[in-house]
């Protein structure tokens, strides 16, 4: 009887533990808000445009690249953690633009679990209890100025 009681407590604890700590919440966040909250000079002087957002005419497409970043989500709001991780992923794409000789990144979409999310102003972030994840992809281009 005592073993059955201990097994019940163990099962109850494991069930509650996994439901509390195995969080996987998808959030849709305004890219502009994320940059305003977190960039503080971190981004490079490379224009970026979400998919569907108006931009100058493309003179030359150089290539298509991705940036997948994970960030610390514990002890901060999902919005802060996702914003910081978005800025990090965006900066990685901007660095790619500079390495490849482009002057902008366009058609930026976010994706999770291999499913793209296209929006001219928002990105998708997956927030867990400890880690947040933002994955972006976009086209490195040379724009007419």
Protein backbone atom coordinates (compact mmCIF):
# COMPACT_ATOMS: atom_id res chain seq x y z
CA UNK A 1 0.00 0.00 0.00
CA UNK A 2 2.84 2.36 0.88
CA UNK A 3 4.49 1.74 -2.52
CA UNK A 4 1.22 2.45 -4.32
CA UNK A 5 0.89 5.72 -2.39
CA UNK A 6 4.48 6.75 -3.29
CA UNK A 7 3.87 5.81 -6.93
CA UNK A 8 0.76 8.00 -6.96
CA UNK A 9 2.67 10.96 -5.55
CA UNK A 10 5.47 10.44 -8.08
CA UNK A 11 3.01 10.22 -10.96
CA UNK A 12 1.15 13.34 -9.79
CA UNK A 13 4.41 15.30 -9.42
CA UNK A 14 5.75 14.22 -12.81
CA UNK A 15 2.48 15.12 -14.55
CA UNK A 16 2.36 18.56 -12.95
CA UNK A 17 6.07 19.16 -13.45
CA UNK A 18 5.89 18.49 -17.20
CA UNK A 19 2.80 20.66 -17.67
CA UNK A 20 4.44 23.58 -15.88
CA UNK A 21 7.89 23.37 -17.46
CA UNK A 22 7.23 22.00 -20.95
CA UNK A 23 5.76 25.21 -22.29
CA UNK A 24 5.82 25.88 -26.02
CA UNK A 25 3.93 29.11 -26.69
CA UNK A 26 3.85 30.72 -30.15
CA UNK A 27 3.70 34.51 -30.15
CA UNK A 28 3.19 36.97 -32.99
CA UNK A 29 5.10 40.18 -32.29
CA UNK A 30 5.42 43.47 -34.17
CA UNK A 31 8.93 43.63 -35.63
CA UNK A 32 9.09 47.41 -35.21
CA UNK A 33 8.15 47.13 -31.52
CA UNK A 34 10.77 44.43 -30.96
CA UNK A 35 13.48 46.58 -32.51
CA UNK A 36 12.42 49.64 -30.53
CA UNK A 37 12.42 47.61 -27.29
CA UNK A 38 15.75 45.87 -27.76
CA UNK A 39 17.98 47.24 -30.53
CA UNK A 40 19.60 50.16 -28.68
CA UNK A 41 22.22 50.49 -31.41
CA UNK A 42 22.72 46.74 -31.86
CA UNK A 43 21.50 46.63 -35.45
CA UNK A 44 23.69 47.55 -38.38
CA UNK A 45 22.97 50.31 -40.86
CA UNK A 46 21.41 47.83 -43.30
CA UNK A 47 17.76 48.32 -44.30
CA UNK A 48 15.44 45.37 -43.76
CA UNK A 49 11.92 44.76 -45.05
CA UNK A 50 9.43 42.13 -43.96
CA UNK A 51 7.65 40.19 -46.71
CA UNK A 52 4.93 42.40 -48.20
CA UNK A 53 6.51 45.61 -46.95
CA UNK A 54 7.23 48.20 -49.63
CA UNK A 55 10.86 48.76 -50.55
CA UNK A 56 12.83 50.34 -53.41
CA UNK A 57 13.18 48.40 -56.65
CA UNK A 58 15.53 45.41 -56.50
CA UNK A 59 18.52 45.90 -58.78
CA UNK A 60 20.10 42.50 -58.07
CA UNK A 61 19.21 39.48 -55.94
CA UNK A 62 22.30 37.94 -54.40
CA UNK A 63 20.83 35.03 -52.45
CA UNK A 64 18.44 33.69 -49.85
CA UNK A 65 19.64 33.08 -46.28
CA UNK A 66 18.30 32.02 -42.92
CA UNK A 67 19.09 32.93 -39.34
CA UNK A 68 17.87 30.76 -36.49
CA UNK A 69 18.55 32.00 -32.98
CA UNK A 70 17.72 30.86 -29.49
CA UNK A 71 17.71 33.15 -26.51
CA UNK A 72 17.30 33.04 -22.78
CA UNK A 73 13.65 33.21 -21.81
CA UNK A 74 13.84 32.56 -18.08
CA UNK A 75 13.27 35.42 -15.66
CA UNK A 76 12.00 37.87 -18.28
CA UNK A 77 8.79 38.44 -20.17
CA UNK A 78 8.15 36.53 -23.39
CA UNK A 79 7.96 39.86 -25.22
CA UNK A 80 11.39 40.97 -24.00
CA UNK A 81 13.02 37.59 -24.66
CA UNK A 82 11.48 37.25 -28.13
CA UNK A 83 12.35 40.85 -29.02
CA UNK A 84 15.97 40.39 -28.02
CA UNK A 85 16.21 37.13 -29.98
CA UNK A 86 14.56 38.70 -33.04
CA UNK A 87 17.12 41.53 -33.01
CA UNK A 88 19.94 38.98 -32.78
CA UNK A 89 18.56 36.98 -35.73
CA UNK A 90 18.01 40.15 -37.76
CA UNK A 91 21.55 41.38 -37.07
CA UNK A 92 22.90 38.05 -38.33
CA UNK A 93 21.03 38.58 -41.61
CA UNK A 94 22.38 42.14 -41.81
CA UNK A 95 25.92 40.81 -41.36
CA UNK A 96 25.25 38.40 -44.23
CA UNK A 97 24.19 41.37 -46.41
CA UNK A 98 27.51 43.06 -45.71
CA UNK A 99 29.55 39.90 -46.40
CA UNK A 100 27.76 39.25 -49.69
CA UNK A 101 28.00 42.83 -51.00
CA UNK A 102 24.30 43.66 -50.81
CA UNK A 103 22.70 46.74 -49.33
CA UNK A 104 19.43 45.37 -47.89
CA UNK A 105 17.52 42.29 -46.79
CA UNK A 106 13.97 41.94 -48.17
CA UNK A 107 11.07 39.48 -47.99
CA UNK A 108 11.85 38.54 -44.39
CA UNK A 109 9.60 35.80 -43.06
CA UNK A 110 9.74 33.88 -39.82
CA UNK A 111 9.21 30.18 -39.54
CA UNK A 112 8.71 27.59 -36.87
CA UNK A 113 8.61 23.84 -37.24
CA UNK A 114 9.30 24.32 -40.96
CA UNK A 115 6.10 26.33 -41.37
CA UNK A 116 6.64 29.88 -42.68
CA UNK A 117 4.83 32.86 -41.24
CA UNK A 118 4.55 35.79 -43.65
CA UNK A 119 3.45 39.19 -42.45
CA UNK A 120 4.52 42.69 -43.42
CA UNK A 121 4.88 43.77 -39.80
CA UNK A 122 5.06 40.73 -37.47
CA UNK A 123 7.29 37.75 -36.76
CA UNK A 124 6.64 34.50 -34.91
CA UNK A 125 8.54 33.45 -31.79
CA UNK A 126 8.27 30.22 -29.83
CA UNK A 127 8.70 30.73 -26.10
CA UNK A 128 9.44 27.89 -23.74
CA UNK A 129 10.01 28.05 -20.01
CA UNK A 130 13.74 28.60 -20.42
CA UNK A 131 14.49 29.17 -24.13
CA UNK A 132 12.87 31.25 -26.88
CA UNK A 133 13.41 30.63 -30.57
CA UNK A 134 13.19 32.94 -33.58
CA UNK A 135 14.01 31.82 -37.11
CA UNK A 136 14.08 34.27 -40.01
CA UNK A 137 14.78 33.99 -43.70
CA UNK A 138 15.12 36.63 -46.35
CA UNK A 139 16.69 37.73 -49.61
CA UNK A 140 20.00 39.58 -49.70
CA UNK A 141 19.70 42.17 -52.47
CA UNK A 142 21.08 45.32 -53.97
CA UNK A 143 18.34 47.96 -54.05
CA UNK A 144 18.15 50.96 -56.35
CA UNK A 145 18.65 54.07 -54.31
